[in-house]
Amino acid sequence: MRVVPVLAAMALLAGCSAPDTPDPGPSATPAARPAPRVVAYFTDWGVYGRDFQVRDVETSGAAGRLTDLVYAFGKVTDGACSTGDTWADQGRPIAAAASVDGAADAPGQRLRGNFGQLRKLKARHPGLRVLWSFGGWTGSRGFTEAAKDPDAFARSCARLLRDPRWAGLFDGIDVDWEYANACGLSCDESGPRALPEIVSALRRALGPDAVISAAVPADLGKLRATDYAAVARDADWLSAMTYDFFGTGGGAGPTAPHSPLTAYPGIPRQTATTDAAVRGLLDLGVPPEKVLLGVGFYGRGWAGVSAAAPGGRATGPARGRYEKGLEDYDVLRRTCPPTGTIGGTAYAFCGDRWWSYDTPDTIKTKMAYAVSNRLGGAFAWELSGDTPDAQLVTAMATGLGAGRS
């Protein structure tokens, strides 16, 4: 599969013709392109310290822009799907001020918490699909056990999604195994067929109308460890985690944008780009319409930096509200606004701090790239980093020519 050059994608964004693009002639009939997906994750823990509630998805306008919302995370325990934070998911009473419809949860109400609010959100936006994601960076260890009996795992997930307390809420499931037959927080050696067999079992258990997605690595070595073309045959899409290519790590630098679209002179690793990850998936045989490009709604940053351009040295990670070296876009746009762009993403130098993150403008460039390459759309990690008026989700939707009302 040919990948359209990034310059052509940028030309589309600018509204001009892509350079050196052959004219197909008047008789050429392009294949119909499926409606692009605009997908974003909502985290269960975000309702606590971050105070990002399901209501915020509605009031920001994001709910009307998204095609799919992915709720993170459920657990994989003893080879089976299980709930994550039951208090946040279904137990926490929601006050009127935090409720999607302005009505507080009643005493003794059967379903409260985020699930109750998501049900209200879907009632307002009937076309919005909601998926339940299982795994994640800290929760992927259980997939190794699940891979020993994929059908039993899939049956457990089907039972959980169809639990009478929230039956009809979830339209499908997201498998976030970090990483199948490779190393993340822990290492797995289940083999290249483990994830395909899990996804195939989920398709059998959930049926043809369920939405099934899988989060996949952007590292080329990890991509080669699993048969992702086989995964794609039974999944609706694969979410390429094209962010966190570079982070603060030991803290000394060199500074580098964590989510470059393309390589640039001096990049620490030439293949650590969104473009390389997309090419890698297509080369493996994954159809482009089943690839979603990943966008981070946050920045990665260093402190003790003296050079404005990428490649400078640092003394350590910059301070973040919840994690060293990490901060939300909504904060960074005000406290350390962009001072330049490189590799199709933005960076900011303020005082001795150096941050990289995507902005509405750089997201539109990435969406033009996705459209040019006929990708299935894009997804975001995660909604609490966006602005109160959903500027980043809006940039995704408008850039893809998608969205709902």
Protein backbone atom coordinates (compact mmCIF):
# COMPACT_ATOMS: atom_id res chain seq x y z
CA MET A 1 0.00 0.00 0.00
CA ARG A 2 1.43 3.35 -1.08
CA VAL A 3 1.55 6.00 1.61
CA VAL A 4 0.87 9.52 0.36
CA PRO A 5 3.83 11.79 1.13
CA VAL A 6 3.36 14.16 4.03
CA LEU A 7 3.91 17.20 1.79
CA ALA A 8 0.86 16.12 -0.17
CA ALA A 9 -1.15 15.89 3.03
CA MET A 10 -0.06 19.38 4.01
CA ALA A 11 -1.02 20.61 0.56
CA LEU A 12 -4.50 19.24 1.07
CA LEU A 13 -4.71 21.10 4.36
CA ALA A 14 -3.72 24.32 2.61
CA GLY A 15 -6.38 23.78 -0.04
CA CYS A 16 -3.98 23.40 -2.96
CA SER A 17 -3.06 20.53 -5.25
CA ALA A 18 -0.61 17.94 -4.02
CA PRO A 19 2.69 18.15 -5.90
CA ASP A 20 3.44 15.52 -8.54
CA THR A 21 0.10 13.79 -8.05
CA PRO A 22 -0.93 11.95 -11.26
CA ASP A 23 -4.26 12.96 -12.76
CA PRO A 24 -6.39 9.79 -12.76
CA GLY A 25 -8.36 11.08 -15.75
CA PRO A 26 -12.09 11.58 -16.13
CA SER A 27 -12.91 7.86 -16.31
CA ALA A 28 -11.32 6.99 -12.95
CA THR A 29 -13.87 6.21 -10.21
CA PRO A 30 -12.35 6.33 -6.74
CA ALA A 31 -13.50 3.73 -4.27
CA ALA A 32 -15.98 4.99 -1.70
CA ARG A 33 -14.25 5.93 1.54
CA PRO A 34 -15.91 4.78 4.76
CA ALA A 35 -16.96 7.58 7.09
CA PRO A 36 -13.92 8.48 9.22
CA ARG A 37 -13.98 7.64 12.90
CA VAL A 38 -13.34 10.28 15.53
CA VAL A 39 -12.52 8.35 18.68
CA ALA A 40 -11.37 9.41 22.16
CA TYR A 41 -10.69 7.71 25.49
CA PHE A 42 -12.41 8.65 28.75
CA THR A 43 -10.59 7.44 31.87
CA ASP A 44 -12.33 6.26 35.03
CA TRP A 45 -9.70 7.90 37.27
CA GLY A 46 -10.19 11.28 35.62
CA VAL A 47 -13.33 11.90 37.67
CA TYR A 48 -11.26 12.22 40.85
CA GLY A 49 -8.31 14.65 41.01
CA ARG A 50 -8.79 15.92 37.48
CA ASP A 51 -12.53 16.40 38.07
CA PHE A 52 -13.28 15.52 34.45
CA GLN A 53 -16.80 14.15 34.38
CA VAL A 54 -18.95 12.58 31.69
CA ARG A 55 -20.91 15.84 31.78
CA ASP A 56 -17.81 17.63 30.47
CA VAL A 57 -17.92 15.51 27.32
CA GLU A 58 -21.39 16.97 26.73
CA THR A 59 -20.84 20.62 27.75
CA SER A 60 -17.57 20.90 25.80
CA GLY A 61 -19.26 19.84 22.59
CA ALA A 62 -17.03 16.79 22.22
CA ALA A 63 -19.97 14.38 22.38
CA GLY A 64 -21.37 15.87 19.18
CA ARG A 65 -18.03 15.52 17.40
CA LEU A 66 -17.08 11.99 18.41
CA THR A 67 -18.20 8.87 16.61
CA ASP A 68 -16.91 6.58 19.37
CA LEU A 69 -16.02 7.03 23.04
CA VAL A 70 -13.76 4.44 24.66
CA TYR A 71 -14.09 3.98 28.43
CA ALA A 72 -10.84 3.00 30.16
CA PHE A 73 -10.16 0.67 31.81
CA GLY A 74 -11.64 -2.65 32.71
CA LYS A 75 -9.33 -5.32 34.11
CA VAL A 76 -8.20 -8.72 32.89
CA THR A 77 -8.21 -10.93 35.98
CA ASP A 78 -7.54 -14.68 36.01
CA GLY A 79 -8.02 -14.78 32.26
CA ALA A 80 -11.37 -12.99 32.32
CA CYS A 81 -12.80 -9.51 31.84
CA SER A 82 -13.68 -7.76 35.09
CA THR A 83 -14.62 -4.28 36.22
CA GLY A 84 -11.90 -1.76 36.98
CA ASP A 85 -12.95 0.90 39.51
CA THR A 86 -16.44 -0.23 40.51
CA TRP A 87 -17.04 2.92 42.57
CA ALA A 88 -16.28 5.25 39.68
CA ASP A 89 -17.93 2.94 37.16
CA GLN A 90 -21.27 2.28 38.78
CA GLY A 91 -21.40 3.19 42.48
CA ARG A 92 -20.53 6.86 42.91
CA PRO A 93 -23.65 9.02 43.28
CA ILE A 94 -23.64 11.93 40.84
CA ALA A 95 -24.89 15.32 42.01
CA ALA A 96 -27.11 17.45 39.80
CA ALA A 97 -24.29 19.88 38.97
CA ALA A 98 -22.14 17.03 37.61
CA SER A 99 -24.92 15.19 35.78
CA VAL A 100 -25.32 15.14 32.02
CA ASP A 101 -29.02 16.06 32.24
CA GLY A 102 -28.83 18.16 35.42
CA ALA A 103 -30.65 15.53 37.50
CA ALA A 104 -28.96 14.03 40.55
CA ASP A 105 -28.83 10.29 41.09
CA ALA A 106 -31.71 9.21 43.32
CA PRO A 107 -31.12 7.26 46.56
CA GLY A 108 -31.14 3.56 45.83
CA GLN A 109 -30.77 4.13 42.08
CA ARG A 110 -29.64 0.87 40.48
CA LEU A 111 -26.95 2.32 38.21
CA ARG A 112 -24.95 5.37 39.21
CA GLY A 113 -21.44 6.60 38.54
CA ASN A 114 -19.91 6.94 35.09
CA PHE A 115 -22.03 4.17 33.58
CA GLY A 116 -25.24 5.94 34.56
CA GLN A 117 -23.94 9.17 33.06
CA LEU A 118 -22.77 7.47 29.88
CA ARG A 119 -26.28 6.07 29.46
CA LYS A 120 -27.62 9.62 29.66
CA LEU A 121 -24.99 10.83 27.21
CA LYS A 122 -25.97 8.17 24.68
CA ALA A 123 -29.64 9.10 25.07
CA ARG A 124 -28.72 12.62 23.98
CA HIS A 125 -26.46 11.39 21.19
CA PRO A 126 -27.97 8.15 19.83
CA GLY A 127 -25.27 7.83 17.17
CA LEU A 128 -22.42 7.87 19.70
CA ARG A 129 -20.94 4.41 20.22
CA VAL A 130 -19.39 3.53 23.57
CA LEU A 131 -16.70 0.87 23.92
CA TRP A 132 -15.26 -0.60 27.11
CA SER A 133 -11.48 -0.87 27.01
CA PHE A 134 -9.60 -3.56 28.92
CA GLY A 135 -5.93 -3.59 29.82
CA GLY A 136 -3.80 -0.49 29.45
CA TRP A 137 -0.18 0.09 30.41
CA THR A 138 -0.58 -1.10 34.01
CA GLY A 139 -3.32 -3.65 33.31
CA SER A 140 -1.99 -5.72 30.43
CA ARG A 141 -0.32 -8.51 32.39
CA GLY A 142 -3.59 -10.47 32.56
CA PHE A 143 -3.78 -10.93 28.80
CA THR A 144 -1.07 -13.60 28.95
CA GLU A 145 -3.43 -15.80 30.97
CA ALA A 146 -6.40 -14.85 28.77
CA ALA A 147 -4.49 -15.95 25.66
CA LYS A 148 -4.36 -19.52 26.99
CA ASP A 149 -8.14 -19.86 26.45
CA PRO A 150 -9.36 -17.07 24.14
CA ASP A 151 -12.92 -18.39 23.93
CA ALA A 152 -13.32 -18.48 27.71
CA PHE A 153 -11.94 -14.94 27.89
CA ALA A 154 -14.32 -13.76 25.18
CA ARG A 155 -17.33 -15.34 26.88
CA SER A 156 -16.43 -13.58 30.13
CA CYS A 157 -16.22 -10.24 28.30
CA ALA A 158 -19.58 -10.82 26.60
CA ARG A 159 -21.21 -11.57 29.97
CA LEU A 160 -19.74 -8.44 31.50
CA LEU A 161 -20.73 -6.13 28.66
CA ARG A 162 -24.27 -7.55 28.75
CA ASP A 163 -24.66 -7.37 32.53
CA PRO A 164 -28.34 -6.49 33.20
CA ARG A 165 -27.34 -3.44 35.24
CA TRP A 166 -25.92 -1.70 32.15
CA ALA A 167 -27.15 -3.85 29.26
CA GLY A 168 -27.20 -1.88 26.02
CA LEU A 169 -24.68 0.72 27.18
CA PHE A 170 -21.63 -0.72 25.46
CA ASP A 171 -21.51 -1.17 21.70
CA GLY A 172 -18.29 -3.17 21.83
CA ILE A 173 -14.88 -3.67 23.33
CA ASP A 174 -11.37 -2.29 22.99
CA VAL A 175 -8.39 -4.57 23.62
CA ASP A 176 -5.45 -2.55 24.94
CA TRP A 177 -2.70 -5.14 25.32
CA GLU A 178 0.64 -3.43 25.86
CA TYR A 179 2.15 -5.45 24.32
CA ALA A 180 1.22 -8.78 22.75
CA ASN A 181 4.29 -11.04 22.37
CA ALA A 182 6.52 -8.10 23.36
CA CYS A 183 7.53 -6.07 26.38
CA GLY A 184 5.69 -3.18 28.02
CA LEU A 185 5.48 -2.80 31.78
CA SER A 186 5.92 -6.59 31.70
CA CYS A 187 6.93 -8.97 28.93
CA ASP A 188 4.75 -11.48 27.11
CA GLU A 189 5.75 -14.52 25.06
CA SER A 190 2.34 -15.80 24.00
CA GLY A 191 3.33 -15.80 20.33
CA PRO A 192 2.30 -13.81 17.25
CA ARG A 193 -1.11 -15.51 17.04
CA ALA A 194 -2.22 -14.75 20.60
CA LEU A 195 -3.85 -11.38 19.95
CA PRO A 196 -5.49 -12.45 16.66
CA GLU A 197 -7.02 -15.44 18.42
CA ILE A 198 -8.34 -13.24 21.24
CA VAL A 199 -9.91 -10.79 18.79
CA SER A 200 -11.40 -13.63 16.71
CA ALA A 201 -12.90 -15.16 19.86
CA LEU A 202 -14.38 -11.79 20.82
CA ARG A 203 -15.95 -11.48 17.38
CA ARG A 204 -17.56 -14.91 17.76
CA ALA A 205 -18.81 -14.11 21.26
CA LEU A 206 -20.04 -10.57 20.60
CA GLY A 207 -21.37 -11.06 17.09
CA PRO A 208 -20.93 -9.28 13.77
CA ASP A 209 -22.54 -6.00 14.83
CA ALA A 210 -20.31 -5.36 17.85
CA VAL A 211 -17.52 -2.82 17.56
CA ILE A 212 -14.13 -4.37 18.31
CA SER A 213 -10.90 -2.37 18.34
CA ALA A 214 -7.34 -2.95 19.46
CA ALA A 215 -4.72 -0.47 20.60
CA VAL A 216 -1.43 -1.28 18.88
CA PRO A 217 2.17 -0.10 19.35
CA ALA A 218 3.91 2.39 17.11
CA ASP A 219 7.33 0.82 17.60
CA LEU A 220 8.29 -1.14 14.49
CA GLY A 221 9.93 -3.96 16.43
CA LYS A 222 6.84 -4.49 18.57
CA LEU A 223 4.64 -4.37 15.47
CA ARG A 224 6.58 -7.24 13.94
CA ALA A 225 6.06 -9.36 17.07
CA THR A 226 2.36 -9.93 16.38
CA ASP A 227 0.29 -10.74 13.28
CA TYR A 228 -1.58 -7.44 13.16
CA ALA A 229 -2.97 -8.13 9.70
CA ALA A 230 -4.80 -11.09 11.24
CA VAL A 231 -5.98 -8.90 14.12
CA ALA A 232 -7.39 -6.41 11.60
CA ARG A 233 -9.50 -9.07 9.87
CA ASP A 234 -11.80 -9.39 12.89
CA ALA A 235 -11.38 -5.89 14.36
CA ASP A 236 -13.17 -2.76 13.18
CA TRP A 237 -9.96 -0.79 13.58
CA LEU A 238 -6.48 -0.72 15.11
CA SER A 239 -5.55 2.34 17.15
CA ALA A 240 -1.89 3.13 16.46
CA MET A 241 -0.42 4.71 19.60
CA THR A 242 1.62 7.27 17.70
CA TYR A 243 2.77 9.30 20.70
CA ASP A 244 5.33 8.95 23.49
CA PHE A 245 8.08 8.25 20.96
CA PHE A 246 10.32 10.39 23.15
CA GLY A 247 9.93 11.25 26.82
CA THR A 248 11.88 12.69 29.68
CA GLY A 249 13.26 9.29 30.67
CA GLY A 250 16.43 9.92 32.67
CA GLY A 251 15.83 13.62 32.27
CA ALA A 252 19.06 14.69 30.56
CA GLY A 253 17.64 14.98 27.05
CA PRO A 254 18.11 15.54 24.22
CA THR A 255 14.79 17.31 23.95
CA ALA A 256 12.57 15.88 21.22
CA PRO A 257 8.86 16.07 20.38
CA HIS A 258 7.01 13.06 21.72
CA SER A 259 4.63 12.76 18.76
CA PRO A 260 6.30 13.82 15.49
CA LEU A 261 4.41 13.17 12.29
CA THR A 262 7.64 12.92 10.27
CA ALA A 263 11.37 12.72 10.86
CA TYR A 264 13.44 15.92 10.94
CA PRO A 265 17.17 16.67 10.93
CA GLY A 266 18.62 15.60 14.25
CA ILE A 267 15.75 13.38 15.39
CA PRO A 268 17.15 10.82 17.87
CA ARG A 269 15.54 7.86 16.01
CA GLN A 270 14.52 8.13 12.37
CA THR A 271 11.72 5.57 12.70
CA ALA A 272 10.15 7.15 15.79
CA THR A 273 7.41 8.94 13.88
CA THR A 274 3.72 8.62 13.11
CA ASP A 275 4.49 8.23 9.42
CA ALA A 276 6.88 5.33 10.05
CA ALA A 277 4.32 3.57 12.26
CA VAL A 278 1.57 3.94 9.65
CA ARG A 279 3.91 2.65 6.92
CA GLY A 280 4.82 -0.25 9.19
CA LEU A 281 1.20 -1.28 9.69
CA LEU A 282 0.39 -1.01 5.99
CA ASP A 283 3.49 -3.00 5.07
CA LEU A 284 2.28 -5.74 7.41
CA GLY A 285 -0.91 -5.96 5.38
CA VAL A 286 -3.28 -3.97 7.57
CA PRO A 287 -5.82 -2.17 5.32
CA PRO A 288 -5.53 1.61 5.63
CA GLU A 289 -9.21 2.01 6.47
CA LYS A 290 -8.57 -0.09 9.60
CA VAL A 291 -5.76 2.15 10.89
CA LEU A 292 -6.54 5.04 13.24
CA LEU A 293 -3.86 7.65 13.81
CA GLY A 294 -3.21 8.43 17.48
CA VAL A 295 -3.09 11.92 19.00
CA GLY A 296 -2.01 12.78 22.54
CA PHE A 297 -3.92 15.55 24.32
CA TYR A 298 -0.88 16.30 26.50
CA GLY A 299 2.74 17.36 26.31
CA ARG A 300 6.06 15.90 27.42
CA GLY A 301 8.61 18.30 28.85
CA TRP A 302 12.05 18.92 30.33
CA ALA A 303 13.46 21.48 32.79
CA GLY A 304 16.91 23.06 32.96
CA VAL A 305 16.99 23.56 29.18
CA SER A 306 18.91 26.42 27.58
CA ALA A 307 18.31 25.71 23.88
CA ALA A 308 15.04 26.73 22.23
CA ALA A 309 15.36 24.24 19.37
CA PRO A 310 14.96 20.47 19.78
CA GLY A 311 18.10 18.56 20.70
CA GLY A 312 19.08 20.52 23.79
CA ARG A 313 20.25 19.06 27.08
CA ALA A 314 18.22 19.18 30.30
CA THR A 315 18.59 18.66 34.03
CA GLY A 316 15.39 16.67 34.50
CA PRO A 317 11.71 16.39 33.68
CA ALA A 318 9.58 19.51 33.88
CA ARG A 319 7.05 19.71 36.67
CA GLY A 320 3.56 18.45 35.88
CA ARG A 321 0.44 18.53 38.03
CA TYR A 322 0.01 14.75 38.13
CA GLU A 323 3.23 13.33 36.73
CA LYS A 324 6.76 14.61 36.16
CA GLY A 325 7.40 15.53 32.57
CA LEU A 326 3.73 15.43 31.58
CA GLU A 327 1.05 18.11 31.38
CA ASP A 328 -2.34 18.59 29.70
CA TYR A 329 -2.68 20.62 26.52
CA ASP A 330 -5.27 22.84 28.20
CA VAL A 331 -2.66 23.91 30.75
CA LEU A 332 0.31 24.17 28.39
CA ARG A 333 -1.47 26.37 25.85
CA ARG A 334 -1.72 29.01 28.60
CA THR A 335 1.45 28.47 30.64
CA CYS A 336 3.93 27.63 27.86
CA PRO A 337 2.48 28.43 24.42
CA PRO A 338 4.15 27.11 21.24
CA THR A 339 7.32 28.79 20.02
CA GLY A 340 7.91 26.57 16.97
CA THR A 341 6.92 23.48 15.02
CA ILE A 342 9.03 20.58 13.81
CA GLY A 343 8.20 17.22 12.29
CA GLY A 344 4.53 18.19 12.05
CA THR A 345 4.06 18.90 15.75
CA ALA A 346 4.62 21.85 18.09
CA TYR A 347 7.18 22.64 20.75
CA ALA A 348 7.46 25.41 23.33
CA PHE A 349 10.44 26.97 25.11
CA CYS A 350 9.63 29.12 28.13
CA GLY A 351 12.14 30.02 30.82
CA ASP A 352 14.19 26.86 31.20
CA ARG A 353 11.32 24.54 30.30
CA TRP A 354 10.88 22.76 26.95
CA TRP A 355 7.61 21.07 26.03
CA SER A 356 6.25 19.33 22.95
CA TYR A 357 2.58 18.82 22.21
CA ASP A 358 -0.03 18.93 19.48
CA THR A 359 -2.20 22.00 18.88
CA PRO A 360 -5.38 22.41 16.81
CA ASP A 361 -3.21 23.45 13.85
CA THR A 362 -0.81 20.50 14.05
CA ILE A 363 -3.71 18.12 14.59
CA LYS A 364 -5.28 19.40 11.37
CA THR A 365 -2.00 18.65 9.58
CA LYS A 366 -2.10 15.11 10.98
CA MET A 367 -5.72 14.71 9.95
CA ALA A 368 -4.84 15.84 6.41
CA TYR A 369 -2.20 13.10 6.40
CA ALA A 370 -4.82 10.56 7.57
CA VAL A 371 -7.24 11.64 4.85
CA SER A 372 -4.55 11.57 2.15
CA ASN A 373 -3.62 8.04 3.09
CA ARG A 374 -7.25 6.93 3.36
CA LEU A 375 -6.88 5.94 7.00
CA GLY A 376 -9.94 5.03 9.01
CA GLY A 377 -9.74 8.16 11.15
CA ALA A 378 -8.03 9.14 14.38
CA PHE A 379 -8.27 8.62 18.12
CA ALA A 380 -7.14 10.62 21.14
CA TRP A 381 -5.65 9.80 24.51
CA GLU A 382 -7.42 11.25 26.42
CA LEU A 383 -10.33 13.69 26.77
CA SER A 384 -9.43 15.39 30.05
CA GLY A 385 -6.42 17.10 28.42
CA ASP A 386 -8.59 19.04 25.96
CA THR A 387 -9.93 22.56 26.46
CA PRO A 388 -13.37 23.25 27.98
CA ASP A 389 -14.67 23.91 24.45
CA ALA A 390 -13.05 20.76 22.96
CA GLN A 391 -10.65 22.54 20.60
CA LEU A 392 -8.59 19.40 19.96
CA VAL A 393 -11.54 17.08 19.33
CA THR A 394 -12.98 19.74 17.04
CA ALA A 395 -9.69 19.92 15.11
CA MET A 396 -9.78 16.14 14.69
CA ALA A 397 -13.36 16.09 13.46
CA THR A 398 -13.09 19.04 11.10
CA GLY A 399 -9.73 17.87 9.80
CA LEU A 400 -11.21 14.47 8.96
CA GLY A 401 -14.42 15.94 7.59
CA ALA A 402 -16.33 13.95 10.19
CA GLY A 403 -18.36 14.31 13.33
CA ARG A 404 -21.94 14.05 14.44
CA SER A 405 -24.58 16.25 15.98
